């Protein structure tokens, strides 16, 4: 199912079309269009919520109606994983030549920000990771202006403390915010801060650890073939085995049912999401 250009989010009416993959509205977009949307929002001081979803991220929405509503309220939900891009191409004829991989999108937006003189901030992970991330990014992109790097509090917070965090990030002078809390916490964070922070916010997951040199990335050949999950499973088997060995086959099964018209449409009246206050 395709949906109109403008969804429930706060972004521009010129947003790319979104198509429902297991009920989650994925934006049929590419790197250039995503970077352009971030640049325009940053220059205008306008909020824009962006997340990059692979299979695991899509399944968090497919299996949880409340979280699906959060995801569908974000402005850009880009196809991070090759299987998500394949679904868009096969089911909807999107014609996307490549995915929009969160770590690569991070680098491209940082290069754009450096070229345009737009300060950036990072929220999430641990301070030691953020310190390494700052060093590595400035080596790769010398003109990048990083004005804040705030670690996660690794707990839930009330609305008052949430507003404090938002005010601090807004006062930093940043025009673009990268969020790395892991899926689905980071998408929940974007949803709950979309009216509190007036700048583009990108949930980019493991990009913090990858670019800090803390986690290895899959070889390009494995990434192109949709086998990054296998590389990551081999790298972190204890943490990731349930995610990949259960969710990947379920994703394929549900996608086949959708393609065959045997999966019931998602009810539009999903419950309003609870406030979770992740920080």
C-alpha atoms as a PDB file:
ATOM      1  CA  UNK A   1       0.000   0.000   0.000  1.00  0.00           C
ATOM      2  CA  UNK A   2       1.270   3.475  -0.903  1.00  0.00           C
ATOM      3  CA  UNK A   3       0.404   6.556   1.085  1.00  0.00           C
ATOM      4  CA  UNK A   4       0.187  10.232   0.129  1.00  0.00           C
ATOM      5  CA  UNK A   5       3.287  12.391   0.035  1.00  0.00           C
ATOM      6  CA  UNK A   6       2.664  14.086   3.353  1.00  0.00           C
ATOM      7  CA  UNK A   7       2.338  11.782   6.362  1.00  0.00           C
ATOM      8  CA  UNK A   8       1.801  12.448  10.033  1.00  0.00           C
ATOM      9  CA  UNK A   9       5.255  13.978  10.544  1.00  0.00           C
ATOM     10  CA  UNK A  10       6.424  17.560  10.681  1.00  0.00           C
ATOM     11  CA  UNK A  11       8.410  17.688   7.456  1.00  0.00           C
ATOM     12  CA  UNK A  12       7.934  19.317   4.083  1.00  0.00           C
ATOM     13  CA  UNK A  13       5.069  18.503   1.735  1.00  0.00           C
ATOM     14  CA  UNK A  14       7.738  17.663  -0.844  1.00  0.00           C
ATOM     15  CA  UNK A  15       8.620  14.487   1.048  1.00  0.00           C
ATOM     16  CA  UNK A  16       9.154  11.362  -1.075  1.00  0.00           C
ATOM     17  CA  UNK A  17       6.336   8.811  -1.392  1.00  0.00           C
ATOM     18  CA  UNK A  18       6.043   6.280   1.416  1.00  0.00           C
ATOM     19  CA  UNK A  19       4.978   2.667   0.998  1.00  0.00           C
ATOM     20  CA  UNK A  20       3.731   0.308   3.684  1.00  0.00           C
ATOM     21  CA  UNK A  21       6.086  -2.583   4.293  1.00  0.00           C
ATOM     22  CA  UNK A  22       4.375  -4.738   6.935  1.00  0.00           C
ATOM     23  CA  UNK A  23       2.467  -1.638   8.023  1.00  0.00           C
ATOM     24  CA  UNK A  24       5.553   0.571   8.405  1.00  0.00           C
ATOM     25  CA  UNK A  25       5.656   3.488   5.963  1.00  0.00           C
ATOM     26  CA  UNK A  26       9.098   3.452   4.330  1.00  0.00           C
ATOM     27  CA  UNK A  27      10.249   6.465   2.303  1.00  0.00           C
ATOM     28  CA  UNK A  28      11.228   5.647  -1.287  1.00  0.00           C
ATOM     29  CA  UNK A  29      14.271   7.901  -1.256  1.00  0.00           C
ATOM     30  CA  UNK A  30      18.033   7.945  -1.876  1.00  0.00           C
ATOM     31  CA  UNK A  31      21.086   9.557  -0.278  1.00  0.00           C
ATOM     32  CA  UNK A  32      20.901  12.769  -2.296  1.00  0.00           C
ATOM     33  CA  UNK A  33      17.243  13.394  -1.527  1.00  0.00           C
ATOM     34  CA  UNK A  34      17.659  12.560   2.154  1.00  0.00           C
ATOM     35  CA  UNK A  35      20.666  14.886   2.485  1.00  0.00           C
ATOM     36  CA  UNK A  36      18.801  17.639   0.644  1.00  0.00           C
ATOM     37  CA  UNK A  37      15.844  17.338   3.026  1.00  0.00           C
ATOM     38  CA  UNK A  38      18.184  17.569   6.042  1.00  0.00           C
ATOM     39  CA  UNK A  39      20.003  20.572   4.553  1.00  0.00           C
ATOM     40  CA  UNK A  40      16.784  22.449   3.822  1.00  0.00           C
ATOM     41  CA  UNK A  41      15.398  21.823   7.308  1.00  0.00           C
ATOM     42  CA  UNK A  42      18.688  22.797   8.979  1.00  0.00           C
ATOM     43  CA  UNK A  43      18.958  26.033   7.024  1.00  0.00           C
ATOM     44  CA  UNK A  44      15.345  26.916   7.803  1.00  0.00           C
ATOM     45  CA  UNK A  45      15.583  25.975  11.500  1.00  0.00           C
ATOM     46  CA  UNK A  46      12.777  23.502  10.951  1.00  0.00           C
ATOM     47  CA  UNK A  47      12.312  20.140  12.715  1.00  0.00           C
ATOM     48  CA  UNK A  48      12.720  16.987  10.641  1.00  0.00           C
ATOM     49  CA  UNK A  49      12.783  13.451  12.042  1.00  0.00           C
ATOM     50  CA  UNK A  50      14.756  10.855  10.115  1.00  0.00           C
ATOM     51  CA  UNK A  51      15.472   7.217  10.867  1.00  0.00           C
ATOM     52  CA  UNK A  52      17.196   4.488   8.883  1.00  0.00           C
ATOM     53  CA  UNK A  53      15.464   1.114   9.271  1.00  0.00           C
ATOM     54  CA  UNK A  54      16.807  -2.314   8.436  1.00  0.00           C
ATOM     55  CA  UNK A  55      14.772  -5.507   8.881  1.00  0.00           C
ATOM     56  CA  UNK A  56      14.957  -5.373  12.678  1.00  0.00           C
ATOM     57  CA  UNK A  57      13.644  -1.810  12.718  1.00  0.00           C
ATOM     58  CA  UNK A  58      10.761  -2.638  10.391  1.00  0.00           C
ATOM     59  CA  UNK A  59       9.843  -5.628  12.539  1.00  0.00           C
ATOM     60  CA  UNK A  60       9.709  -3.497  15.701  1.00  0.00           C
ATOM     61  CA  UNK A  61       6.816  -1.682  14.043  1.00  0.00           C
ATOM     62  CA  UNK A  62       5.259  -4.718  12.373  1.00  0.00           C
ATOM     63  CA  UNK A  63       4.935  -6.509  15.723  1.00  0.00           C
ATOM     64  CA  UNK A  64       4.013  -3.545  17.951  1.00  0.00           C
ATOM     65  CA  UNK A  65       1.069  -1.318  16.991  1.00  0.00           C
ATOM     66  CA  UNK A  66       2.082   1.500  19.353  1.00  0.00           C
ATOM     67  CA  UNK A  67       5.626   1.630  18.026  1.00  0.00           C
ATOM     68  CA  UNK A  68       4.360   1.407  14.450  1.00  0.00           C
ATOM     69  CA  UNK A  69       2.432   4.598  15.100  1.00  0.00           C
ATOM     70  CA  UNK A  70       5.638   6.275  16.310  1.00  0.00           C
ATOM     71  CA  UNK A  71       7.538   5.196  13.205  1.00  0.00           C
ATOM     72  CA  UNK A  72       4.774   6.333  10.888  1.00  0.00           C
ATOM     73  CA  UNK A  73       4.747   9.769  12.547  1.00  0.00           C
ATOM     74  CA  UNK A  74       8.401  10.384  11.631  1.00  0.00           C
ATOM     75  CA  UNK A  75       9.157  12.419   8.518  1.00  0.00           C
ATOM     76  CA  UNK A  76      11.672  10.212   6.707  1.00  0.00           C
ATOM     77  CA  UNK A  77      11.970   6.469   7.319  1.00  0.00           C
ATOM     78  CA  UNK A  78      14.711   5.489   4.908  1.00  0.00           C
ATOM     79  CA  UNK A  79      15.508   1.915   3.771  1.00  0.00           C
ATOM     80  CA  UNK A  80      18.717   1.155   5.656  1.00  0.00           C
ATOM     81  CA  UNK A  81      18.750  -2.578   4.885  1.00  0.00           C
ATOM     82  CA  UNK A  82      18.980  -4.159   1.442  1.00  0.00           C
ATOM     83  CA  UNK A  83      15.966  -6.426   2.169  1.00  0.00           C
ATOM     84  CA  UNK A  84      13.916  -3.307   2.912  1.00  0.00           C
ATOM     85  CA  UNK A  85      15.010  -1.700  -0.360  1.00  0.00           C
ATOM     86  CA  UNK A  86      14.240  -4.946  -2.208  1.00  0.00           C
ATOM     87  CA  UNK A  87      10.740  -4.943  -0.705  1.00  0.00           C
ATOM     88  CA  UNK A  88      10.130  -1.387  -1.952  1.00  0.00           C
ATOM     89  CA  UNK A  89      11.347  -2.284  -5.434  1.00  0.00           C
ATOM     90  CA  UNK A  90       9.525  -5.610  -5.734  1.00  0.00           C
ATOM     91  CA  UNK A  91       6.204  -4.645  -4.164  1.00  0.00           C
ATOM     92  CA  UNK A  92       5.922  -1.022  -5.276  1.00  0.00           C
ATOM     93  CA  UNK A  93       8.285  -0.585  -8.227  1.00  0.00           C
ATOM     94  CA  UNK A  94      10.277   2.076  -6.350  1.00  0.00           C
ATOM     95  CA  UNK A  95      13.316   1.564  -8.595  1.00  0.00           C
ATOM     96  CA  UNK A  96      15.816   2.390  -5.828  1.00  0.00           C
ATOM     97  CA  UNK A  97      19.383   1.572  -6.976  1.00  0.00           C
ATOM     98  CA  UNK A  98      20.795   1.544  -3.457  1.00  0.00           C
ATOM     99  CA  UNK A  99      19.738   1.545   0.171  1.00  0.00           C
ATOM    100  CA  UNK A 100      20.201   4.547   2.476  1.00  0.00           C
ATOM    101  CA  UNK A 101      22.594   3.060   5.018  1.00  0.00           C
ATOM    102  CA  UNK A 102      22.609   4.917   8.349  1.00  0.00           C
ATOM    103  CA  UNK A 103      26.411   5.059   8.816  1.00  0.00           C
ATOM    104  CA  UNK A 104      26.925   6.253   5.225  1.00  0.00           C
ATOM    105  CA  UNK A 105      24.101   8.785   5.566  1.00  0.00           C
ATOM    106  CA  UNK A 106      25.828  10.066   8.707  1.00  0.00           C
ATOM    107  CA  UNK A 107      29.052  10.731   6.807  1.00  0.00           C
ATOM    108  CA  UNK A 108      27.258  12.359   3.892  1.00  0.00           C
ATOM    109  CA  UNK A 109      25.251  14.655   6.144  1.00  0.00           C
ATOM    110  CA  UNK A 110      28.409  15.554   8.089  1.00  0.00           C
ATOM    111  CA  UNK A 111      30.224  16.434   4.849  1.00  0.00           C
ATOM    112  CA  UNK A 112      27.260  18.528   3.761  1.00  0.00           C
ATOM    113  CA  UNK A 113      27.147  20.239   7.164  1.00  0.00           C
ATOM    114  CA  UNK A 114      30.861  21.070   6.959  1.00  0.00           C
ATOM    115  CA  UNK A 115      30.445  22.496   3.456  1.00  0.00           C
ATOM    116  CA  UNK A 116      27.410  24.576   4.480  1.00  0.00           C
ATOM    117  CA  UNK A 117      28.829  25.718   7.837  1.00  0.00           C
ATOM    118  CA  UNK A 118      26.082  23.971   9.812  1.00  0.00           C
ATOM    119  CA  UNK A 119      27.116  22.943  13.361  1.00  0.00           C
ATOM    120  CA  UNK A 120      26.178  19.417  14.444  1.00  0.00           C
ATOM    121  CA  UNK A 121      25.582  17.625  17.740  1.00  0.00           C
ATOM    122  CA  UNK A 122      25.505  13.989  18.814  1.00  0.00           C
ATOM    123  CA  UNK A 123      23.286  12.446  21.479  1.00  0.00           C
ATOM    124  CA  UNK A 124      23.554   8.905  22.830  1.00  0.00           C
ATOM    125  CA  UNK A 125      26.048   6.120  23.594  1.00  0.00           C
ATOM    126  CA  UNK A 126      28.822   6.552  26.196  1.00  0.00           C
ATOM    127  CA  UNK A 127      31.234   9.455  26.605  1.00  0.00           C
ATOM    128  CA  UNK A 128      34.246   7.304  25.712  1.00  0.00           C
ATOM    129  CA  UNK A 129      32.577   6.357  22.423  1.00  0.00           C
ATOM    130  CA  UNK A 130      31.664   9.985  21.727  1.00  0.00           C
ATOM    131  CA  UNK A 131      35.260  11.071  22.371  1.00  0.00           C
ATOM    132  CA  UNK A 132      36.542   8.549  19.832  1.00  0.00           C
ATOM    133  CA  UNK A 133      33.768   9.518  17.426  1.00  0.00           C
ATOM    134  CA  UNK A 134      34.717  13.201  17.595  1.00  0.00           C
ATOM    135  CA  UNK A 135      38.373  12.425  16.929  1.00  0.00           C
ATOM    136  CA  UNK A 136      37.679  10.090  13.991  1.00  0.00           C
ATOM    137  CA  UNK A 137      35.090  12.359  12.370  1.00  0.00           C
ATOM    138  CA  UNK A 138      37.322  15.424  12.554  1.00  0.00           C
ATOM    139  CA  UNK A 139      40.120  13.420  10.944  1.00  0.00           C
ATOM    140  CA  UNK A 140      37.823  12.459   8.067  1.00  0.00           C
ATOM    141  CA  UNK A 141      35.959  15.775   7.795  1.00  0.00           C
ATOM    142  CA  UNK A 142      38.273  18.559   9.088  1.00  0.00           C
ATOM    143  CA  UNK A 143      35.761  21.371   8.490  1.00  0.00           C
ATOM    144  CA  UNK A 144      33.027  19.746  10.577  1.00  0.00           C
ATOM    145  CA  UNK A 145      31.902  21.884  13.528  1.00  0.00           C
ATOM    146  CA  UNK A 146      30.799  19.687  16.449  1.00  0.00           C
ATOM    147  CA  UNK A 147      29.219  21.800  19.171  1.00  0.00           C
ATOM    148  CA  UNK A 148      27.854  19.136  21.531  1.00  0.00           C
ATOM    149  CA  UNK A 149      28.338  15.446  22.295  1.00  0.00           C
ATOM    150  CA  UNK A 150      25.976  14.303  25.017  1.00  0.00           C
ATOM    151  CA  UNK A 151      25.999  10.697  26.271  1.00  0.00           C
ATOM    152  CA  UNK A 152      22.887   8.690  26.998  1.00  0.00           C
ATOM    153  CA  UNK A 153      21.648   8.593  30.581  1.00  0.00           C
ATOM    154  CA  UNK A 154      20.759   4.916  30.133  1.00  0.00           C
ATOM    155  CA  UNK A 155      17.495   5.273  31.983  1.00  0.00           C
ATOM    156  CA  UNK A 156      14.032   6.693  31.571  1.00  0.00           C
ATOM    157  CA  UNK A 157      13.302  10.305  32.463  1.00  0.00           C
ATOM    158  CA  UNK A 158      10.160  12.282  33.222  1.00  0.00           C
ATOM    159  CA  UNK A 159       8.828  15.014  30.952  1.00  0.00           C
ATOM    160  CA  UNK A 160      10.565  17.793  32.895  1.00  0.00           C
ATOM    161  CA  UNK A 161      13.986  16.190  32.543  1.00  0.00           C
ATOM    162  CA  UNK A 162      13.204  15.390  28.923  1.00  0.00           C
ATOM    163  CA  UNK A 163      12.484  19.082  28.326  1.00  0.00           C
ATOM    164  CA  UNK A 164      15.801  19.965  30.017  1.00  0.00           C
ATOM    165  CA  UNK A 165      17.722  17.677  27.664  1.00  0.00           C
ATOM    166  CA  UNK A 166      15.920  19.140  24.668  1.00  0.00           C
ATOM    167  CA  UNK A 167      16.601  22.714  25.816  1.00  0.00           C
ATOM    168  CA  UNK A 168      20.294  21.964  26.344  1.00  0.00           C
ATOM    169  CA  UNK A 169      20.685  20.459  22.878  1.00  0.00           C
ATOM    170  CA  UNK A 170      18.762  23.336  21.316  1.00  0.00           C
ATOM    171  CA  UNK A 171      20.949  25.895  23.136  1.00  0.00           C
ATOM    172  CA  UNK A 172      24.161  24.236  21.899  1.00  0.00           C
ATOM    173  CA  UNK A 173      23.974  26.052  18.592  1.00  0.00           C
ATOM    174  CA  UNK A 174      23.636  22.817  16.647  1.00  0.00           C
ATOM    175  CA  UNK A 175      21.613  22.853  13.443  1.00  0.00           C
ATOM    176  CA  UNK A 176      21.640  19.062  12.959  1.00  0.00           C
ATOM    177  CA  UNK A 177      21.394  16.383  15.666  1.00  0.00           C
ATOM    178  CA  UNK A 178      22.483  12.755  15.337  1.00  0.00           C
ATOM    179  CA  UNK A 179      20.897  10.302  17.788  1.00  0.00           C
ATOM    180  CA  UNK A 180      22.452   6.925  18.586  1.00  0.00           C
ATOM    181  CA  UNK A 181      20.414   5.060  21.192  1.00  0.00           C
ATOM    182  CA  UNK A 182      19.811   1.801  19.346  1.00  0.00           C
ATOM    183  CA  UNK A 183      16.580   0.573  17.828  1.00  0.00           C
ATOM    184  CA  UNK A 184      13.776   1.039  18.925  1.00  0.00           C
ATOM    185  CA  UNK A 185      14.811   3.451  21.702  1.00  0.00           C
ATOM    186  CA  UNK A 186      16.153   6.050  19.292  1.00  0.00           C
ATOM    187  CA  UNK A 187      12.981   6.136  17.194  1.00  0.00           C
ATOM    188  CA  UNK A 188      10.941   6.553  20.374  1.00  0.00           C
ATOM    189  CA  UNK A 189      13.296   9.393  21.368  1.00  0.00           C
ATOM    190  CA  UNK A 190      12.752  11.147  18.030  1.00  0.00           C
ATOM    191  CA  UNK A 191       8.990  10.753  18.307  1.00  0.00           C
ATOM    192  CA  UNK A 192       8.902  12.208  21.819  1.00  0.00           C
ATOM    193  CA  UNK A 193      11.239  15.124  20.973  1.00  0.00           C
ATOM    194  CA  UNK A 194       9.865  16.054  17.556  1.00  0.00           C
ATOM    195  CA  UNK A 195       7.965  19.028  19.011  1.00  0.00           C
ATOM    196  CA  UNK A 196      10.734  19.998  21.465  1.00  0.00           C
ATOM    197  CA  UNK A 197      13.763  20.384  19.177  1.00  0.00           C
ATOM    198  CA  UNK A 198      13.597  22.556  16.065  1.00  0.00           C
ATOM    199  CA  UNK A 199      16.293  21.001  13.930  1.00  0.00           C
ATOM    200  CA  UNK A 200      16.662  17.858  11.833  1.00  0.00           C
ATOM    201  CA  UNK A 201      17.289  14.804  14.027  1.00  0.00           C
ATOM    202  CA  UNK A 202      18.681  11.597  12.550  1.00  0.00           C
ATOM    203  CA  UNK A 203      18.487   8.241  14.345  1.00  0.00           C
ATOM    204  CA  UNK A 204      21.517   6.373  13.009  1.00  0.00           C
ATOM    205  CA  UNK A 205      21.987   3.490  15.442  1.00  0.00           C
ATOM    206  CA  UNK A 206      25.333   1.724  15.248  1.00  0.00           C
ATOM    207  CA  UNK A 207      26.892   4.556  13.204  1.00  0.00           C
ATOM    208  CA  UNK A 208      28.366   5.982  16.417  1.00  0.00           C
ATOM    209  CA  UNK A 209      30.234   2.752  17.185  1.00  0.00           C
ATOM    210  CA  UNK A 210      31.239   2.157  13.567  1.00  0.00           C
ATOM    211  CA  UNK A 211      32.693   5.619  13.015  1.00  0.00           C
ATOM    212  CA  UNK A 212      34.316   5.666  16.464  1.00  0.00           C
ATOM    213  CA  UNK A 213      36.216   2.531  15.447  1.00  0.00           C
ATOM    214  CA  UNK A 214      34.514   0.456  18.121  1.00  0.00           C
ATOM    215  CA  UNK A 215      32.707  -1.976  15.820  1.00  0.00           C
ATOM    216  CA  UNK A 216      33.853  -3.415  12.474  1.00  0.00           C
ATOM    217  CA  UNK A 217      31.676  -2.908   9.404  1.00  0.00           C
ATOM    218  CA  UNK A 218      30.834  -5.678   6.976  1.00  0.00           C
ATOM    219  CA  UNK A 219      32.845  -5.755   3.741  1.00  0.00           C
ATOM    220  CA  UNK A 220      31.142  -3.840   0.891  1.00  0.00           C
ATOM    221  CA  UNK A 221      30.479  -7.066  -1.038  1.00  0.00           C
ATOM    222  CA  UNK A 222      28.504  -8.508   1.895  1.00  0.00           C
ATOM    223  CA  UNK A 223      26.618  -5.232   2.291  1.00  0.00           C
ATOM    224  CA  UNK A 224      25.597  -5.185  -1.390  1.00  0.00           C
ATOM    225  CA  UNK A 225      24.269  -8.750  -1.146  1.00  0.00           C
ATOM    226  CA  UNK A 226      22.217  -8.092   1.965  1.00  0.00           C
ATOM    227  CA  UNK A 227      24.541 -10.189   4.145  1.00  0.00           C
ATOM    228  CA  UNK A 228      25.566  -7.547   6.634  1.00  0.00           C
ATOM    229  CA  UNK A 229      23.369  -9.293   9.213  1.00  0.00           C
ATOM    230  CA  UNK A 230      25.574 -12.398   8.934  1.00  0.00           C
ATOM    231  CA  UNK A 231      28.732 -10.367   9.529  1.00  0.00           C
ATOM    232  CA  UNK A 232      27.219  -8.622  12.537  1.00  0.00           C
ATOM    233  CA  UNK A 233      25.908 -11.923  13.918  1.00  0.00           C
ATOM    234  CA  UNK A 234      29.419 -13.373  13.709  1.00  0.00           C
ATOM    235  CA  UNK A 235      30.809 -10.233  15.406  1.00  0.00           C
ATOM    236  CA  UNK A 236      28.248 -10.074  18.248  1.00  0.00           C
ATOM    237  CA  UNK A 237      26.555 -13.502  18.465  1.00  0.00           C
ATOM    238  CA  UNK A 238      25.373 -13.255  22.086  1.00  0.00           C
ATOM    239  CA  UNK A 239      23.658  -9.913  21.596  1.00  0.00           C
ATOM    240  CA  UNK A 240      22.237 -10.410  18.106  1.00  0.00           C
ATOM    241  CA  UNK A 241      21.392 -14.091  17.606  1.00  0.00           C
ATOM    242  CA  UNK A 242      17.732 -13.746  18.595  1.00  0.00           C
ATOM    243  CA  UNK A 243      17.281 -10.683  16.377  1.00  0.00           C
ATOM    244  CA  UNK A 244      18.578 -12.298  13.214  1.00  0.00           C
ATOM    245  CA  UNK A 245      17.648 -15.959  13.618  1.00  0.00           C
ATOM    246  CA  UNK A 246      14.022 -15.221  14.533  1.00  0.00           C
ATOM    247  CA  UNK A 247      13.165 -11.869  12.994  1.00  0.00           C
ATOM    248  CA  UNK A 248      14.766 -12.341   9.567  1.00  0.00           C
ATOM    249  CA  UNK A 249      12.748 -15.485   8.676  1.00  0.00           C
ATOM    250  CA  UNK A 250       9.595 -13.892  10.106  1.00  0.00           C
ATOM    251  CA  UNK A 251      10.179 -10.775   7.972  1.00  0.00           C
ATOM    252  CA  UNK A 252      10.426 -12.900   4.813  1.00  0.00           C
ATOM    253  CA  UNK A 253       7.315 -14.890   5.744  1.00  0.00           C
ATOM    254  CA  UNK A 254       5.212 -11.806   6.441  1.00  0.00           C
ATOM    255  CA  UNK A 255       6.503 -10.080   3.309  1.00  0.00           C
ATOM    256  CA  UNK A 256       5.472 -13.070   1.176  1.00  0.00           C
ATOM    257  CA  UNK A 257       2.015 -12.952   2.752  1.00  0.00           C
ATOM    258  CA  UNK A 258       1.783  -9.237   1.968  1.00  0.00           C
ATOM    259  CA  UNK A 259       2.897  -9.822  -1.639  1.00  0.00           C
ATOM    260  CA  UNK A 260       0.266 -12.552  -2.019  1.00  0.00           C
ATOM    261  CA  UNK A 261      -2.454 -10.338  -0.553  1.00  0.00           C
ATOM    262  CA  UNK A 262      -2.905 -12.708   2.386  1.00  0.00           C
ATOM    263  CA  UNK A 263      -1.791 -10.335   5.135  1.00  0.00           C
ATOM    264  CA  UNK A 264      -4.618  -8.285   6.589  1.00  0.00           C
ATOM    265  CA  UNK A 265      -4.239  -4.491   6.245  1.00  0.00           C
ATOM    266  CA  UNK A 266      -3.056  -2.758   9.384  1.00  0.00           C
ATOM    267  CA  UNK A 267      -5.881  -1.145  11.328  1.00  0.00           C
ATOM    268  CA  UNK A 268      -5.621   2.662  11.126  1.00  0.00           C
ATOM    269  CA  UNK A 269      -6.801   3.193  14.708  1.00  0.00           C
ATOM    270  CA  UNK A 270      -3.712   1.905  16.483  1.00  0.00           C
ATOM    271  CA  UNK A 271      -3.452   3.026  20.115  1.00  0.00           C
ATOM    272  CA  UNK A 272      -1.741   6.302  21.002  1.00  0.00           C
ATOM    273  CA  UNK A 273       1.836   5.502  22.056  1.00  0.00           C
ATOM    274  CA  UNK A 274       2.698   5.581  25.749  1.00  0.00           C
ATOM    275  CA  UNK A 275       5.289   8.110  26.903  1.00  0.00           C
ATOM    276  CA  UNK A 276       8.472   6.114  27.572  1.00  0.00           C
ATOM    277  CA  UNK A 277      11.008   8.873  28.288  1.00  0.00           C
ATOM    278  CA  UNK A 278      14.114   7.086  27.044  1.00  0.00           C
ATOM    279  CA  UNK A 279      17.320   9.038  27.593  1.00  0.00           C
END
